[in-house]
C-alpha cells in the first residue's frame, strides 16, 4: 500500500479502533496529539478548515465546560445527542467528509453509551477535538 493510500485510511482506522476499544481514553494521549499523530493526520486527510469545525468544537466545548462545573452526565449526554444531526447536516451540505462524520459519531457513541469511562472519554475527546482545531493550517 502506498503512503498516499495508507494516509487515506487513517480516519477509518481510528474510527474502527475507537469502536473496538470503547473510546479515546484507551489510546495514548501522546499518539493522539503528537505532531503527525492521529489528530494532525485526520486534519490533513479530511482537509478540515476552522469554519467546518467551529460549530462542532464550540458545542463540544460547551458540553465539556458544563460537565466540569456540574458533573451531570445525563444533561451532558442530551447535549452530545444534538451533535449527531449537526454532523449529518454538515455532510449533507458537503462541508465535511462522511469518514470524518463517522469518526466523530464513534467518539460520541462511546460517550453516550459508556458511563463507566465517561469522564476519561470526555477528557480525551475534548483534547482530541482541540488538537484537530490546532492542527488546521492557517487559511
Protein backbone atom coordinates (compact mmCIF):
# COMPACT_ATOMS: atom_id res chain seq x y z
CA UNK A 1 0.00 0.00 0.00
CA UNK A 2 1.48 3.37 -0.98
CA UNK A 3 1.89 6.18 1.52
CA UNK A 4 -0.99 8.16 -0.02
CA UNK A 5 -3.35 5.19 0.20
CA UNK A 6 -2.22 4.49 3.75
CA UNK A 7 -2.85 8.09 4.79
CA UNK A 8 -6.34 7.93 3.26
CA UNK A 9 -7.15 5.15 5.70
CA UNK A 10 -6.25 6.92 8.97
CA UNK A 11 -9.75 8.26 9.72
CA UNK A 12 -11.40 4.90 9.07
CA UNK A 13 -8.72 3.02 11.03
CA UNK A 14 -9.08 5.36 14.00
CA UNK A 15 -12.90 5.08 13.85
CA UNK A 16 -12.68 1.28 13.93
CA UNK A 17 -10.18 1.34 16.81
CA UNK A 18 -12.37 3.70 18.85
CA UNK A 19 -15.30 1.31 18.42
CA UNK A 20 -13.19 -1.72 19.40
CA UNK A 21 -11.58 -0.05 22.40
CA UNK A 22 -14.77 1.76 23.56
CA UNK A 23 -13.37 5.25 23.47
CA UNK A 24 -10.39 7.51 23.09
CA UNK A 25 -9.40 7.04 26.73
CA UNK A 26 -7.90 3.69 25.76
CA UNK A 27 -5.41 5.38 23.42
CA UNK A 28 -2.14 7.01 24.33
CA UNK A 29 -2.81 10.75 24.54
CA UNK A 30 0.65 11.20 23.02
CA UNK A 31 -0.31 9.16 19.94
CA UNK A 32 -3.48 11.19 19.52
CA UNK A 33 -1.94 14.64 19.95
CA UNK A 34 1.72 14.48 18.85
CA UNK A 35 2.88 16.14 15.62
CA UNK A 36 1.90 13.83 12.76
CA UNK A 37 -0.18 11.82 15.23
CA UNK A 38 -3.81 10.90 14.74
CA UNK A 39 -5.21 14.42 15.13
CA UNK A 40 -2.89 16.02 12.61
CA UNK A 41 -3.30 13.17 10.12
CA UNK A 42 -7.11 13.33 10.39
CA UNK A 43 -6.99 17.09 9.67
CA UNK A 44 -4.82 16.51 6.58
CA UNK A 45 -6.79 13.54 5.31
CA UNK A 46 -10.15 15.28 5.63
CA UNK A 47 -8.90 18.70 4.52
CA UNK A 48 -10.59 20.25 7.53
CA UNK A 49 -10.96 24.00 7.95
CA UNK A 50 -11.68 26.08 11.03
CA UNK A 51 -15.08 27.02 9.63
CA UNK A 52 -16.03 23.34 9.32
CA UNK A 53 -15.01 22.52 12.87
CA UNK A 54 -16.11 25.71 14.61
CA UNK A 55 -19.69 24.65 15.34
CA UNK A 56 -18.86 21.08 16.36
CA UNK A 57 -15.98 22.18 18.57
CA UNK A 58 -17.90 25.03 20.22
CA UNK A 59 -20.83 22.70 21.01
CA UNK A 60 -18.47 20.05 22.38
CA UNK A 61 -16.58 22.63 24.43
CA UNK A 62 -19.87 23.82 25.91
CA UNK A 63 -20.71 20.24 26.99
CA UNK A 64 -17.21 19.77 28.40
CA UNK A 65 -17.27 23.05 30.37
CA UNK A 66 -20.78 22.46 31.72
CA UNK A 67 -19.94 18.90 32.78
CA UNK A 68 -16.81 20.09 34.56
CA UNK A 69 -18.98 22.53 36.55
CA UNK A 70 -21.94 20.34 37.49
CA UNK A 71 -20.94 16.68 36.79
CA UNK A 72 -24.41 15.98 35.37
CA UNK A 73 -23.86 13.09 32.90
CA UNK A 74 -27.44 12.93 31.69
CA UNK A 75 -27.53 16.64 30.83
CA UNK A 76 -24.15 16.32 29.08
CA UNK A 77 -25.41 13.35 27.06
CA UNK A 78 -28.51 15.26 25.93
CA UNK A 79 -26.25 17.99 24.53
CA UNK A 80 -24.00 15.38 22.92
CA UNK A 81 -27.03 13.79 21.18
CA UNK A 82 -27.53 17.09 19.36
CA UNK A 83 -24.16 16.72 17.65
CA UNK A 84 -25.33 13.71 15.59
CA UNK A 85 -27.76 15.67 13.37
CA UNK A 86 -25.38 18.66 13.26
CA UNK A 87 -22.66 16.46 11.79
CA UNK A 88 -25.07 14.82 9.33
CA UNK A 89 -26.21 18.27 8.22
CA UNK A 90 -22.58 19.21 7.55
CA UNK A 91 -22.12 16.05 5.46
CA UNK A 92 -25.32 16.77 3.53
CA UNK A 93 -24.04 20.25 2.74
CA UNK A 94 -20.68 18.73 1.75
CA UNK A 95 -18.88 20.70 4.45
CA UNK A 96 -17.25 17.61 5.97
CA UNK A 97 -16.50 14.15 4.64
CA UNK A 98 -18.54 11.09 5.58
CA UNK A 99 -15.48 9.37 7.12
CA UNK A 100 -14.89 12.33 9.42
CA UNK A 101 -18.55 12.31 10.48
CA UNK A 102 -18.24 8.59 11.24
CA UNK A 103 -15.16 9.26 13.37
CA UNK A 104 -16.93 11.88 15.48
CA UNK A 105 -20.04 9.67 15.71
CA UNK A 106 -17.85 6.83 17.03
CA UNK A 107 -16.47 9.21 19.66
CA UNK A 108 -20.00 10.33 20.58
CA UNK A 109 -21.20 6.70 20.75
CA UNK A 110 -18.54 5.89 23.33
CA UNK A 111 -19.51 8.94 25.38
CA UNK A 112 -23.26 8.39 25.40
CA UNK A 113 -23.01 4.61 25.80
CA UNK A 114 -20.36 4.14 28.47
CA UNK A 115 -20.99 5.63 31.92
CA UNK A 116 -18.08 3.78 33.48
CA UNK A 117 -15.39 5.64 31.47
CA UNK A 118 -17.41 8.79 30.72
CA UNK A 119 -15.10 11.25 32.50
CA UNK A 120 -11.93 9.85 30.90
CA UNK A 121 -13.50 9.59 27.45
CA UNK A 122 -14.84 13.13 27.68
CA UNK A 123 -11.42 14.45 28.66
CA UNK A 124 -9.59 12.60 25.87
CA UNK A 125 -12.27 13.51 23.32
CA UNK A 126 -12.06 17.18 24.24
CA UNK A 127 -8.26 17.15 23.95
CA UNK A 128 -8.51 15.37 20.59
CA UNK A 129 -11.02 17.87 19.18
CA UNK A 130 -8.92 20.75 20.49
CA UNK A 131 -5.90 19.24 18.69
CA UNK A 132 -7.89 18.95 15.46
CA UNK A 133 -8.55 22.68 15.60
CA UNK A 134 -4.92 23.42 16.47
CA UNK A 135 -3.55 21.42 13.53
CA UNK A 136 -5.69 23.15 10.92
CA UNK A 137 -3.38 25.26 8.75
CA UNK A 138 -3.99 28.99 8.51
CA UNK A 139 -6.42 29.82 5.76
